[in-house]
Amino acid sequence: MLRYYEEQGLLASERRPNGYRDYPEAVVTDVEQIRGLISSGLTTRVIRLLLGMEGVEGEELARTCSRNLAESLAEELAVLEAKIGCLTRSRDTVREFLARSRHAEVLGDAHVVLAPHAADRP
């Protein structure tokens, strides 16, 4: 996957004399971020843009952002918001089911925050 990320312009490495790639330690955090963004459904093109939006380069990119790029990112944002909504509903359903089961203790105290069940509402 590292080679693929590098081909997509998401990571950079240096070559050792033996031809092996050498990645700095900071790449571990970058790879975790990239994997999370890919698993959320973003394309590598959008991820490349997002990674470039951090720091000084990001400020310049924001100032020079084209209408097409802004519209593309707005579409990606809408897709992410929809996924977050779906995941939130799924999480709440699973949590509620477990909380009502005879095995509610598997949730632990910190995770038992439930919306009222539809049957319990007035």
PDB file of N, CA and C in Angstrom:
ATOM      1  N   MET A   1       0.818  -1.194   0.000  1.00  0.00           N
ATOM      2  CA  MET A   1       0.000   0.000   0.000  1.00  0.00           C
ATOM      3  C   MET A   1       0.864   1.261   0.000  1.00  0.00           C
ATOM      4  N   LEU A   2       2.006   1.204   0.661  1.00  0.00           N
ATOM      5  CA  LEU A   2       2.871   2.383   0.687  1.00  0.00           C
ATOM      6  C   LEU A   2       3.290   2.786  -0.723  1.00  0.00           C
ATOM      7  N   ARG A   3       3.617   1.804  -1.539  1.00  0.00           N
ATOM      8  CA  ARG A   3       4.015   2.101  -2.911  1.00  0.00           C
ATOM      9  C   ARG A   3       2.844   2.738  -3.671  1.00  0.00           C
ATOM     10  N   TYR A   4       1.639   2.211  -3.486  1.00  0.00           N
ATOM     11  CA  TYR A   4       0.455   2.781  -4.127  1.00  0.00           C
ATOM     12  C   TYR A   4       0.228   4.217  -3.674  1.00  0.00           C
ATOM     13  N   TYR A   5       0.321   4.458  -2.362  1.00  0.00           N
ATOM     14  CA  TYR A   5       0.154   5.817  -1.848  1.00  0.00           C
ATOM     15  C   TYR A   5       1.196   6.757  -2.458  1.00  0.00           C
ATOM     16  N   GLU A   6       2.398   6.238  -2.615  1.00  0.00           N
ATOM     17  CA  GLU A   6       3.454   7.043  -3.212  1.00  0.00           C
ATOM     18  C   GLU A   6       3.144   7.337  -4.687  1.00  0.00           C
ATOM     19  N   GLU A   7       2.659   6.333  -5.420  1.00  0.00           N
ATOM     20  CA  GLU A   7       2.286   6.533  -6.826  1.00  0.00           C
ATOM     21  C   GLU A   7       1.169   7.565  -6.964  1.00  0.00           C
ATOM     22  N   GLN A   8       0.290   7.635  -5.982  1.00  0.00           N
ATOM     23  CA  GLN A   8      -0.828   8.570  -6.009  1.00  0.00           C
ATOM     24  C   GLN A   8      -0.443   9.960  -5.512  1.00  0.00           C
ATOM     25  N   GLY A   9       0.801  10.130  -5.108  1.00  0.00           N
ATOM     26  CA  GLY A   9       1.280  11.432  -4.635  1.00  0.00           C
ATOM     27  C   GLY A   9       0.885  11.738  -3.205  1.00  0.00           C
ATOM     28  N   LEU A  10       0.568  10.693  -2.430  1.00  0.00           N
ATOM     29  CA  LEU A  10       0.151  10.888  -1.045  1.00  0.00           C
ATOM     30  C   LEU A  10       1.315  10.799  -0.072  1.00  0.00           C
ATOM     31  N   LEU A  11       2.361  10.106  -0.454  1.00  0.00           N
ATOM     32  CA  LEU A  11       3.554   9.932   0.385  1.00  0.00           C
ATOM     33  C   LEU A  11       4.791  10.138  -0.468  1.00  0.00           C
ATOM     34  N   ALA A  12       5.885  10.409   0.202  1.00  0.00           N
ATOM     35  CA  ALA A  12       7.180  10.496  -0.476  1.00  0.00           C
ATOM     36  C   ALA A  12       8.196   9.676   0.310  1.00  0.00           C
ATOM     37  N   SER A  13       9.107   9.067  -0.407  1.00  0.00           N
ATOM     38  CA  SER A  13      10.171   8.305   0.244  1.00  0.00           C
ATOM     39  C   SER A  13      11.486   8.619  -0.447  1.00  0.00           C
ATOM     40  N   GLU A  14      12.534   8.214   0.205  1.00  0.00           N
ATOM     41  CA  GLU A  14      13.856   8.310  -0.407  1.00  0.00           C
ATOM     42  C   GLU A  14      14.313   6.888  -0.705  1.00  0.00           C
ATOM     43  N   ARG A  15      15.218   6.776  -1.655  1.00  0.00           N
ATOM     44  CA  ARG A  15      15.752   5.456  -2.009  1.00  0.00           C
ATOM     45  C   ARG A  15      17.110   5.249  -1.358  1.00  0.00           C
ATOM     46  N   ARG A  16      17.261   4.084  -0.774  1.00  0.00           N
ATOM     47  CA  ARG A  16      18.564   3.697  -0.238  1.00  0.00           C
ATOM     48  C   ARG A  16      19.435   3.213  -1.395  1.00  0.00           C
ATOM     49  N   PRO A  17      20.743   3.101  -1.168  1.00  0.00           N
ATOM     50  CA  PRO A  17      21.630   2.619  -2.240  1.00  0.00           C
ATOM     51  C   PRO A  17      21.237   1.226  -2.765  1.00  0.00           C
ATOM     52  N   ASN A  18      20.608   0.403  -1.906  1.00  0.00           N
ATOM     53  CA  ASN A  18      20.201  -0.935  -2.336  1.00  0.00           C
ATOM     54  C   ASN A  18      18.857  -0.930  -3.070  1.00  0.00           C
ATOM     55  N   GLY A  19      18.246   0.263  -3.255  1.00  0.00           N
ATOM     56  CA  GLY A  19      16.987   0.364  -3.986  1.00  0.00           C
ATOM     57  C   GLY A  19      15.751   0.347  -3.112  1.00  0.00           C
ATOM     58  N   TYR A  20      15.905  -0.010  -1.842  1.00  0.00           N
ATOM     59  CA  TYR A  20      14.754  -0.028  -0.947  1.00  0.00           C
ATOM     60  C   TYR A  20      14.284   1.384  -0.644  1.00  0.00           C
ATOM     61  N   ARG A  21      13.000   1.505  -0.420  1.00  0.00           N
ATOM     62  CA  ARG A  21      12.441   2.803  -0.040  1.00  0.00           C
ATOM     63  C   ARG A  21      12.690   3.047   1.442  1.00  0.00           C
ATOM     64  N   ASP A  22      12.923   4.301   1.779  1.00  0.00           N
ATOM     65  CA  ASP A  22      13.146   4.684   3.170  1.00  0.00           C
ATOM     66  C   ASP A  22      12.143   5.777   3.515  1.00  0.00           C
ATOM     67  N   TYR A  23      11.290   5.511   4.490  1.00  0.00           N
ATOM     68  CA  TYR A  23      10.260   6.457   4.910  1.00  0.00           C
ATOM     69  C   TYR A  23      10.617   7.030   6.279  1.00  0.00           C
ATOM     70  N   PRO A  24      10.422   8.317   6.467  1.00  0.00           N
ATOM     71  CA  PRO A  24      10.653   8.892   7.795  1.00  0.00           C
ATOM     72  C   PRO A  24       9.587   8.389   8.776  1.00  0.00           C
ATOM     73  N   GLU A  25       9.885   8.463  10.045  1.00  0.00           N
ATOM     74  CA  GLU A  25       8.975   7.988  11.093  1.00  0.00           C
ATOM     75  C   GLU A  25       7.611   8.682  11.038  1.00  0.00           C
ATOM     76  N   ALA A  26       7.592   9.939  10.642  1.00  0.00           N
ATOM     77  CA  ALA A  26       6.339  10.706  10.590  1.00  0.00           C
ATOM     78  C   ALA A  26       5.344  10.126   9.595  1.00  0.00           C
ATOM     79  N   VAL A  27       5.798   9.295   8.680  1.00  0.00           N
ATOM     80  CA  VAL A  27       4.915   8.695   7.681  1.00  0.00           C
ATOM     81  C   VAL A  27       3.873   7.792   8.341  1.00  0.00           C
ATOM     82  N   VAL A  28       4.182   7.245   9.498  1.00  0.00           N
ATOM     83  CA  VAL A  28       3.233   6.375  10.193  1.00  0.00           C
ATOM     84  C   VAL A  28       1.927   7.126  10.445  1.00  0.00           C
ATOM     85  N   THR A  29       2.018   8.334  10.944  1.00  0.00           N
ATOM     86  CA  THR A  29       0.822   9.157  11.186  1.00  0.00           C
ATOM     87  C   THR A  29       0.120   9.476   9.880  1.00  0.00           C
ATOM     88  N   ASP A  30       0.888   9.797   8.844  1.00  0.00           N
ATOM     89  CA  ASP A  30       0.300  10.099   7.537  1.00  0.00           C
ATOM     90  C   ASP A  30      -0.462   8.897   6.994  1.00  0.00           C
ATOM     91  N   VAL A  31       0.115   7.718   7.106  1.00  0.00           N
ATOM     92  CA  VAL A  31      -0.525   6.507   6.591  1.00  0.00           C
ATOM     93  C   VAL A  31      -1.817   6.229   7.350  1.00  0.00           C
ATOM     94  N   GLU A  32      -1.803   6.415   8.663  1.00  0.00           N
ATOM     95  CA  GLU A  32      -3.037   6.229   9.441  1.00  0.00           C
ATOM     96  C   GLU A  32      -4.116   7.190   8.959  1.00  0.00           C
ATOM     97  N   GLN A  33      -3.743   8.439   8.717  1.00  0.00           N
ATOM     98  CA  GLN A  33      -4.707   9.429   8.231  1.00  0.00           C
ATOM     99  C   GLN A  33      -5.211   9.047   6.841  1.00  0.00           C
ATOM    100  N   ILE A  34      -4.320   8.646   5.956  1.00  0.00           N
ATOM    101  CA  ILE A  34      -4.698   8.265   4.601  1.00  0.00           C
ATOM    102  C   ILE A  34      -5.640   7.066   4.628  1.00  0.00           C
ATOM    103  N   ARG A  35      -5.310   6.060   5.420  1.00  0.00           N
ATOM    104  CA  ARG A  35      -6.171   4.871   5.512  1.00  0.00           C
ATOM    105  C   ARG A  35      -7.556   5.235   6.025  1.00  0.00           C
ATOM    106  N   GLY A  36      -7.616   6.114   7.006  1.00  0.00           N
ATOM    107  CA  GLY A  36      -8.906   6.546   7.530  1.00  0.00           C
ATOM    108  C   GLY A  36      -9.722   7.286   6.487  1.00  0.00           C
ATOM    109  N   LEU A  37      -9.065   8.140   5.720  1.00  0.00           N
ATOM    110  CA  LEU A  37      -9.764   8.893   4.679  1.00  0.00           C
ATOM    111  C   LEU A  37     -10.242   7.971   3.556  1.00  0.00           C
ATOM    112  N   ILE A  38      -9.411   7.009   3.185  1.00  0.00           N
ATOM    113  CA  ILE A  38      -9.817   6.048   2.151  1.00  0.00           C
ATOM    114  C   ILE A  38     -10.984   5.203   2.645  1.00  0.00           C
ATOM    115  N   SER A  39     -10.922   4.755   3.903  1.00  0.00           N
ATOM    116  CA  SER A  39     -12.014   3.932   4.421  1.00  0.00           C
ATOM    117  C   SER A  39     -13.308   4.728   4.567  1.00  0.00           C
ATOM    118  N   SER A  40     -13.206   6.058   4.628  1.00  0.00           N
ATOM    119  CA  SER A  40     -14.417   6.876   4.685  1.00  0.00           C
ATOM    120  C   SER A  40     -15.001   7.099   3.293  1.00  0.00           C
ATOM    121  N   GLY A  41     -14.298   6.612   2.271  1.00  0.00           N
ATOM    122  CA  GLY A  41     -14.839   6.676   0.928  1.00  0.00           C
ATOM    123  C   GLY A  41     -14.265   7.764   0.047  1.00  0.00           C
ATOM    124  N   LEU A  42     -13.274   8.492   0.520  1.00  0.00           N
ATOM    125  CA  LEU A  42     -12.691   9.554  -0.302  1.00  0.00           C
ATOM    126  C   LEU A  42     -11.748   8.963  -1.341  1.00  0.00           C
ATOM    127  N   THR A  43     -11.673   9.615  -2.477  1.00  0.00           N
ATOM    128  CA  THR A  43     -10.742   9.187  -3.518  1.00  0.00           C
ATOM    129  C   THR A  43      -9.344   9.685  -3.179  1.00  0.00           C
ATOM    130  N   THR A  44      -8.350   9.054  -3.787  1.00  0.00           N
ATOM    131  CA  THR A  44      -6.975   9.496  -3.527  1.00  0.00           C
ATOM    132  C   THR A  44      -6.762  10.907  -4.053  1.00  0.00           C
ATOM    133  N   ARG A  45      -7.476  11.309  -5.097  1.00  0.00           N
ATOM    134  CA  ARG A  45      -7.371  12.679  -5.609  1.00  0.00           C
ATOM    135  C   ARG A  45      -7.802  13.677  -4.540  1.00  0.00           C
ATOM    136  N   VAL A  46      -8.930  13.405  -3.889  1.00  0.00           N
ATOM    137  CA  VAL A  46      -9.434  14.310  -2.851  1.00  0.00           C
ATOM    138  C   VAL A  46      -8.515  14.257  -1.629  1.00  0.00           C
ATOM    139  N   ILE A  47      -8.026  13.079  -1.302  1.00  0.00           N
ATOM    140  CA  ILE A  47      -7.114  12.943  -0.155  1.00  0.00           C
ATOM    141  C   ILE A  47      -5.842  13.758  -0.399  1.00  0.00           C
ATOM    142  N   ARG A  48      -5.325  13.713  -1.614  1.00  0.00           N
ATOM    143  CA  ARG A  48      -4.132  14.502  -1.952  1.00  0.00           C
ATOM    144  C   ARG A  48      -4.405  15.982  -1.707  1.00  0.00           C
ATOM    145  N   LEU A  49      -5.602  16.440  -2.093  1.00  0.00           N
ATOM    146  CA  LEU A  49      -5.975  17.834  -1.846  1.00  0.00           C
ATOM    147  C   LEU A  49      -6.064  18.120  -0.352  1.00  0.00           C
ATOM    148  N   LEU A  50      -6.703  17.220   0.384  1.00  0.00           N
ATOM    149  CA  LEU A  50      -6.870  17.426   1.828  1.00  0.00           C
ATOM    150  C   LEU A  50      -5.527  17.490   2.541  1.00  0.00           C
ATOM    151  N   LEU A  51      -4.618  16.593   2.159  1.00  0.00           N
ATOM    152  CA  LEU A  51      -3.296  16.599   2.787  1.00  0.00           C
ATOM    153  C   LEU A  51      -2.557  17.886   2.468  1.00  0.00           C
ATOM    154  N   GLY A  52      -2.805  18.448   1.279  1.00  0.00           N
ATOM    155  CA  GLY A  52      -2.170  19.701   0.899  1.00  0.00           C
ATOM    156  C   GLY A  52      -2.793  20.912   1.567  1.00  0.00           C
ATOM    157  N   MET A  53      -3.932  20.741   2.199  1.00  0.00           N
ATOM    158  CA  MET A  53      -4.625  21.868   2.821  1.00  0.00           C
ATOM    159  C   MET A  53      -4.110  22.195   4.208  1.00  0.00           C
ATOM    160  N   GLU A  54      -3.168  21.423   4.698  1.00  0.00           N
ATOM    161  CA  GLU A  54      -2.628  21.672   6.025  1.00  0.00           C
ATOM    162  C   GLU A  54      -1.441  22.618   5.920  1.00  0.00           C
ATOM    163  N   GLY A  55      -1.282  23.454   6.911  1.00  0.00           N
ATOM    164  CA  GLY A  55      -0.123  24.335   6.965  1.00  0.00           C
ATOM    165  C   GLY A  55      -0.193  25.505   6.005  1.00  0.00           C
ATOM    166  N   VAL A  56       0.968  26.051   5.675  1.00  0.00           N
ATOM    167  CA  VAL A  56       1.076  27.240   4.835  1.00  0.00           C
ATOM    168  C   VAL A  56       0.533  26.965   3.436  1.00  0.00           C
ATOM    169  N   GLU A  57       0.840  25.783   2.879  1.00  0.00           N
ATOM    170  CA  GLU A  57       0.344  25.465   1.548  1.00  0.00           C
ATOM    171  C   GLU A  57      -1.177  25.479   1.521  1.00  0.00           C
ATOM    172  N   GLY A  58      -1.790  25.042   2.600  1.00  0.00           N
ATOM    173  CA  GLY A  58      -3.240  25.024   2.683  1.00  0.00           C
ATOM    174  C   GLY A  58      -3.846  26.406   2.645  1.00  0.00           C
ATOM    175  N   GLU A  59      -3.190  27.351   3.292  1.00  0.00           N
ATOM    176  CA  GLU A  59      -3.693  28.722   3.273  1.00  0.00           C
ATOM    177  C   GLU A  59      -3.632  29.295   1.860  1.00  0.00           C
ATOM    178  N   GLU A  60      -2.561  29.011   1.154  1.00  0.00           N
ATOM    179  CA  GLU A  60      -2.437  29.485  -0.232  1.00  0.00           C
ATOM    180  C   GLU A  60      -3.460  28.790  -1.118  1.00  0.00           C
ATOM    181  N   LEU A  61      -3.637  27.497  -0.935  1.00  0.00           N
ATOM    182  CA  LEU A  61      -4.628  26.755  -1.719  1.00  0.00           C
ATOM    183  C   LEU A  61      -6.032  27.292  -1.474  1.00  0.00           C
ATOM    184  N   ALA A  62      -6.344  27.609  -0.239  1.00  0.00           N
ATOM    185  CA  ALA A  62      -7.674  28.151   0.076  1.00  0.00           C
ATOM    186  C   ALA A  62      -7.885  29.500  -0.608  1.00  0.00           C
ATOM    187  N   ARG A  63      -6.862  30.334  -0.620  1.00  0.00           N
ATOM    188  CA  ARG A  63      -6.984  31.649  -1.267  1.00  0.00           C
ATOM    189  C   ARG A  63      -7.158  31.531  -2.773  1.00  0.00           C
ATOM    190  N   THR A  64      -6.540  30.514  -3.374  1.00  0.00           N
ATOM    191  CA  THR A  64      -6.564  30.386  -4.829  1.00  0.00           C
ATOM    192  C   THR A  64      -7.516  29.297  -5.308  1.00  0.00           C
ATOM    193  N   CYS A  65      -8.336  28.807  -4.417  1.00  0.00           N
ATOM    194  CA  CYS A  65      -9.255  27.701  -4.726  1.00  0.00           C
ATOM    195  C   CYS A  65     -10.203  28.087  -5.867  1.00  0.00           C
ATOM    196  N   SER A  66     -10.280  27.229  -6.879  1.00  0.00           N
ATOM    197  CA  SER A  66     -11.187  27.480  -8.002  1.00  0.00           C
ATOM    198  C   SER A  66     -12.615  27.095  -7.620  1.00  0.00           C
ATOM    199  N   ARG A  67     -13.556  27.588  -8.372  1.00  0.00           N
ATOM    200  CA  ARG A  67     -14.971  27.252  -8.145  1.00  0.00           C
ATOM    201  C   ARG A  67     -15.189  25.741  -8.317  1.00  0.00           C
ATOM    202  N   ASN A  68     -14.540  25.146  -9.326  1.00  0.00           N
ATOM    203  CA  ASN A  68     -14.688  23.705  -9.553  1.00  0.00           C
ATOM    204  C   ASN A  68     -14.189  22.897  -8.361  1.00  0.00           C
ATOM    205  N   LEU A  69     -13.047  23.286  -7.811  1.00  0.00           N
ATOM    206  CA  LEU A  69     -12.514  22.585  -6.647  1.00  0.00           C
ATOM    207  C   LEU A  69     -13.446  22.754  -5.456  1.00  0.00           C
ATOM    208  N   ALA A  70     -13.943  23.960  -5.244  1.00  0.00           N
ATOM    209  CA  ALA A  70     -14.856  24.199  -4.124  1.00  0.00           C
ATOM    210  C   ALA A  70     -16.121  23.363  -4.273  1.00  0.00           C
ATOM    211  N   GLU A  71     -16.664  23.293  -5.472  1.00  0.00           N
ATOM    212  CA  GLU A  71     -17.873  22.491  -5.698  1.00  0.00           C
ATOM    213  C   GLU A  71     -17.594  21.007  -5.503  1.00  0.00           C
ATOM    214  N   SER A  72     -16.445  20.556  -5.966  1.00  0.00           N
ATOM    215  CA  SER A  72     -16.065  19.152  -5.794  1.00  0.00           C
ATOM    216  C   SER A  72     -15.928  18.802  -4.315  1.00  0.00           C
ATOM    217  N   LEU A  73     -15.280  19.677  -3.554  1.00  0.00           N
ATOM    218  CA  LEU A  73     -15.134  19.436  -2.117  1.00  0.00           C
ATOM    219  C   LEU A  73     -16.477  19.514  -1.403  1.00  0.00           C
ATOM    220  N   ALA A  74     -17.359  20.400  -1.839  1.00  0.00           N
ATOM    221  CA  ALA A  74     -18.689  20.485  -1.240  1.00  0.00           C
ATOM    222  C   ALA A  74     -19.464  19.191  -1.472  1.00  0.00           C
ATOM    223  N   GLU A  75     -19.324  18.609  -2.655  1.00  0.00           N
ATOM    224  CA  GLU A  75     -19.968  17.322  -2.934  1.00  0.00           C
ATOM    225  C   GLU A  75     -19.403  16.227  -2.038  1.00  0.00           C
ATOM    226  N   GLU A  76     -18.083  16.204  -1.893  1.00  0.00           N
ATOM    227  CA  GLU A  76     -17.453  15.212  -1.010  1.00  0.00           C
ATOM    228  C   GLU A  76     -17.930  15.395   0.427  1.00  0.00           C
ATOM    229  N   LEU A  77     -18.066  16.641   0.844  1.00  0.00           N
ATOM    230  CA  LEU A  77     -18.538  16.928   2.197  1.00  0.00           C
ATOM    231  C   LEU A  77     -19.952  16.404   2.395  1.00  0.00           C
ATOM    232  N   ALA A  78     -20.817  16.600   1.413  1.00  0.00           N
ATOM    233  CA  ALA A  78     -22.192  16.104   1.516  1.00  0.00           C
ATOM    234  C   ALA A  78     -22.212  14.581   1.627  1.00  0.00           C
ATOM    235  N   VAL A  79     -21.361  13.907   0.864  1.00  0.00           N
ATOM    236  CA  VAL A  79     -21.278  12.446   0.934  1.00  0.00           C
ATOM    237  C   VAL A  79     -20.805  12.016   2.323  1.00  0.00           C
ATOM    238  N   LEU A  80     -19.780  12.696   2.848  1.00  0.00           N
ATOM    239  CA  LEU A  80     -19.285  12.372   4.187  1.00  0.00           C
ATOM    240  C   LEU A  80     -20.350  12.594   5.249  1.00  0.00           C
ATOM    241  N   GLU A  81     -21.080  13.702   5.152  1.00  0.00           N
ATOM    242  CA  GLU A  81     -22.145  13.985   6.123  1.00  0.00           C
ATOM    243  C   GLU A  81     -23.211  12.897   6.092  1.00  0.00           C
ATOM    244  N   ALA A  82     -23.564  12.430   4.900  1.00  0.00           N
ATOM    245  CA  ALA A  82     -24.558  11.360   4.782  1.00  0.00           C
ATOM    246  C   ALA A  82     -24.040  10.065   5.412  1.00  0.00           C
ATOM    247  N   LYS A  83     -22.772   9.753   5.174  1.00  0.00           N
ATOM    248  CA  LYS A  83     -22.185   8.550   5.763  1.00  0.00           C
ATOM    249  C   LYS A  83     -22.135   8.656   7.281  1.00  0.00           C
ATOM    250  N   ILE A  84     -21.762   9.832   7.775  1.00  0.00           N
ATOM    251  CA  ILE A  84     -21.716  10.034   9.225  1.00  0.00           C
ATOM    252  C   ILE A  84     -23.101   9.852   9.823  1.00  0.00           C
ATOM    253  N   GLY A  85     -24.115  10.386   9.176  1.00  0.00           N
ATOM    254  CA  GLY A  85     -25.483  10.220   9.657  1.00  0.00           C
ATOM    255  C   GLY A  85     -25.893   8.764   9.706  1.00  0.00           C
ATOM    256  N   CYS A  86     -25.580   8.025   8.646  1.00  0.00           N
ATOM    257  CA  CYS A  86     -25.911   6.603   8.595  1.00  0.00           C
ATOM    258  C   CYS A  86     -25.156   5.824   9.668  1.00  0.00           C
ATOM    259  N   LEU A  87     -23.867   6.100   9.801  1.00  0.00           N
ATOM    260  CA  LEU A  87     -23.069   5.423  10.828  1.00  0.00           C
ATOM    261  C   LEU A  87     -23.559   5.763  12.232  1.00  0.00           C
ATOM    262  N   THR A  88     -23.949   6.997  12.454  1.00  0.00           N
ATOM    263  CA  THR A  88     -24.459   7.407  13.762  1.00  0.00           C
ATOM    264  C   THR A  88     -25.735   6.659  14.095  1.00  0.00           C
ATOM    265  N   ARG A  89     -26.654   6.568  13.124  1.00  0.00           N
ATOM    266  CA  ARG A  89     -27.894   5.825  13.361  1.00  0.00           C
ATOM    267  C   ARG A  89     -27.610   4.353  13.626  1.00  0.00           C
ATOM    268  N   SER A  90     -26.693   3.761  12.864  1.00  0.00           N
ATOM    269  CA  SER A  90     -26.346   2.355  13.063  1.00  0.00           C
ATOM    270  C   SER A  90     -25.725   2.134  14.440  1.00  0.00           C
ATOM    271  N   ARG A  91     -24.806   3.032  14.821  1.00  0.00           N
ATOM    272  CA  ARG A  91     -24.176   2.922  16.137  1.00  0.00           C
ATOM    273  C   ARG A  91     -25.208   3.007  17.246  1.00  0.00           C
ATOM    274  N   ASP A  92     -26.122   3.970  17.123  1.00  0.00           N
ATOM    275  CA  ASP A  92     -27.153   4.140  18.149  1.00  0.00           C
ATOM    276  C   ASP A  92     -28.074   2.933  18.240  1.00  0.00           C
ATOM    277  N   THR A  93     -28.400   2.338  17.101  1.00  0.00           N
ATOM    278  CA  THR A  93     -29.258   1.147  17.098  1.00  0.00           C
ATOM    279  C   THR A  93     -28.567  -0.014  17.792  1.00  0.00           C
ATOM    280  N   VAL A  94     -27.310  -0.243  17.460  1.00  0.00           N
ATOM    281  CA  VAL A  94     -26.561  -1.339  18.079  1.00  0.00           C
ATOM    282  C   VAL A  94     -26.401  -1.090  19.571  1.00  0.00           C
ATOM    283  N   ARG A  95     -26.054   0.156  19.939  1.00  0.00           N
ATOM    284  CA  ARG A  95     -25.877   0.498  21.344  1.00  0.00           C
ATOM    285  C   ARG A  95     -27.181   0.292  22.116  1.00  0.00           C
ATOM    286  N   GLU A  96     -28.299   0.735  21.551  1.00  0.00           N
ATOM    287  CA  GLU A  96     -29.597   0.593  22.220  1.00  0.00           C
ATOM    288  C   GLU A  96     -29.957  -0.875  22.390  1.00  0.00           C
ATOM    289  N   PHE A  97     -29.736  -1.659  21.351  1.00  0.00           N
ATOM    290  CA  PHE A  97     -30.015  -3.090  21.449  1.00  0.00           C
ATOM    291  C   PHE A  97     -29.205  -3.723  22.571  1.00  0.00           C
ATOM    292  N   LEU A  98     -27.912  -3.441  22.600  1.00  0.00           N
ATOM    293  CA  LEU A  98     -27.061  -4.019  23.645  1.00  0.00           C
ATOM    294  C   LEU A  98     -27.463  -3.532  25.030  1.00  0.00           C
ATOM    295  N   ALA A  99     -27.816  -2.253  25.142  1.00  0.00           N
ATOM    296  CA  ALA A  99     -28.210  -1.702  26.444  1.00  0.00           C
ATOM    297  C   ALA A  99     -29.477  -2.371  26.960  1.00  0.00           C
ATOM    298  N   ARG A 100     -30.358  -2.779  26.080  1.00  0.00           N
ATOM    299  CA  ARG A 100     -31.617  -3.416  26.475  1.00  0.00           C
ATOM    300  C   ARG A 100     -31.466  -4.925  26.653  1.00  0.00           C
ATOM    301  N   SER A 101     -30.333  -5.453  26.238  1.00  0.00           N
ATOM    302  CA  SER A 101     -30.128  -6.900  26.364  1.00  0.00           C
ATOM    303  C   SER A 101     -29.708  -7.247  27.792  1.00  0.00           C
ATOM    304  N   ARG A 102     -29.671  -8.509  28.059  1.00  0.00           N
ATOM    305  CA  ARG A 102     -29.239  -8.934  29.400  1.00  0.00           C
ATOM    306  C   ARG A 102     -27.717  -8.900  29.522  1.00  0.00           C
ATOM    307  N   HIS A 103     -27.054  -8.422  28.486  1.00  0.00           N
ATOM    308  CA  HIS A 103     -25.595  -8.321  28.492  1.00  0.00           C
ATOM    309  C   HIS A 103     -25.140  -6.869  28.373  1.00  0.00           C
ATOM    310  N   ALA A 104     -25.930  -5.957  28.893  1.00  0.00           N
ATOM    311  CA  ALA A 104     -25.638  -4.524  28.769  1.00  0.00           C
ATOM    312  C   ALA A 104     -24.273  -4.155  29.341  1.00  0.00           C
ATOM    313  N   GLU A 105     -23.760  -4.956  30.245  1.00  0.00           N
ATOM    314  CA  GLU A 105     -22.470  -4.631  30.867  1.00  0.00           C
ATOM    315  C   GLU A 105     -21.321  -4.635  29.854  1.00  0.00           C
ATOM    316  N   VAL A 106     -21.512  -5.270  28.690  1.00  0.00           N
ATOM    317  CA  VAL A 106     -20.430  -5.273  27.698  1.00  0.00           C
ATOM    318  C   VAL A 106     -20.167  -3.873  27.158  1.00  0.00           C
ATOM    319  N   LEU A 107     -21.117  -2.966  27.324  1.00  0.00           N
ATOM    320  CA  LEU A 107     -20.937  -1.597  26.866  1.00  0.00           C
ATOM    321  C   LEU A 107     -20.034  -0.796  27.778  1.00  0.00           C
ATOM    322  N   GLY A 108     -20.018  -1.106  29.051  1.00  0.00           N
ATOM    323  CA  GLY A 108     -19.277  -0.301  30.013  1.00  0.00           C
ATOM    324  C   GLY A 108     -20.053   0.966  30.323  1.00  0.00           C
ATOM    325  N   ASP A 109     -19.759   1.605  31.409  1.00  0.00           N
ATOM    326  CA  ASP A 109     -20.504   2.788  31.846  1.00  0.00           C
ATOM    327  C   ASP A 109     -20.373   3.970  30.895  1.00  0.00           C
ATOM    328  N   ALA A 110     -19.215   4.159  30.292  1.00  0.00           N
ATOM    329  CA  ALA A 110     -18.974   5.346  29.476  1.00  0.00           C
ATOM    330  C   ALA A 110     -19.738   5.330  28.160  1.00  0.00           C
ATOM    331  N   HIS A 111     -20.203   4.176  27.725  1.00  0.00           N
ATOM    332  CA  HIS A 111     -20.820   4.072  26.413  1.00  0.00           C
ATOM    333  C   HIS A 111     -22.341   4.016  26.442  1.00  0.00           C
ATOM    334  N   VAL A 112     -22.951   4.057  27.602  1.00  0.00           N
ATOM    335  CA  VAL A 112     -24.399   3.906  27.671  1.00  0.00           C
ATOM    336  C   VAL A 112     -25.060   5.280  27.688  1.00  0.00           C
ATOM    337  N   VAL A 113     -25.044   5.932  26.533  1.00  0.00           N
ATOM    338  CA  VAL A 113     -25.721   7.213  26.352  1.00  0.00           C
ATOM    339  C   VAL A 113     -26.723   6.982  25.240  1.00  0.00           C
ATOM    340  N   LEU A 114     -27.990   6.900  25.600  1.00  0.00           N
ATOM    341  CA  LEU A 114     -29.001   6.523  24.629  1.00  0.00           C
ATOM    342  C   LEU A 114     -30.034   7.608  24.420  1.00  0.00           C
ATOM    343  N   ALA A 115     -30.513   7.668  23.195  1.00  0.00           N
ATOM    344  CA  ALA A 115     -31.693   8.480  22.924  1.00  0.00           C
ATOM    345  C   ALA A 115     -32.891   7.667  23.401  1.00  0.00           C
ATOM    346  N   PRO A 116     -33.980   8.321  23.797  1.00  0.00           N
ATOM    347  CA  PRO A 116     -35.143   7.549  24.234  1.00  0.00           C
ATOM    348  C   PRO A 116     -35.621   6.627  23.128  1.00  0.00           C
ATOM    349  N   HIS A 117     -36.002   5.427  23.483  1.00  0.00           N
ATOM    350  CA  HIS A 117     -36.531   4.459  22.544  1.00  0.00           C
ATOM    351  C   HIS A 117     -37.899   4.949  22.070  1.00  0.00           C
ATOM    352  N   ALA A 118     -38.218   4.675  20.819  1.00  0.00           N
ATOM    353  CA  ALA A 118     -39.479   5.160  20.231  1.00  0.00           C
ATOM    354  C   ALA A 118     -40.686   4.722  21.062  1.00  0.00           C
ATOM    355  N   ALA A 119     -40.663   3.516  21.597  1.00  0.00           N
ATOM    356  CA  ALA A 119     -41.793   3.031  22.398  1.00  0.00           C
ATOM    357  C   ALA A 119     -41.913   3.739  23.732  1.00  0.00           C
ATOM    358  N   ASP A 120     -40.818   4.361  24.200  1.00  0.00           N
ATOM    359  CA  ASP A 120     -40.816   5.045  25.501  1.00  0.00           C
ATOM    360  C   ASP A 120     -41.228   6.506  25.387  1.00  0.00           C
ATOM    361  N   ARG A 121     -41.309   7.027  24.161  1.00  0.00           N
ATOM    362  CA  ARG A 121     -41.653   8.431  23.983  1.00  0.00           C
ATOM    363  C   ARG A 121     -43.142   8.635  24.121  1.00  0.00           C
ATOM    364  N   PRO A 122     -43.550   9.826  24.622  1.00  0.00           N
ATOM    365  CA  PRO A 122     -44.988  10.105  24.757  1.00  0.00           C
ATOM    366  C   PRO A 122     -45.669  10.231  23.423  1.00  0.00           C
TER     367      PRO A 122
END
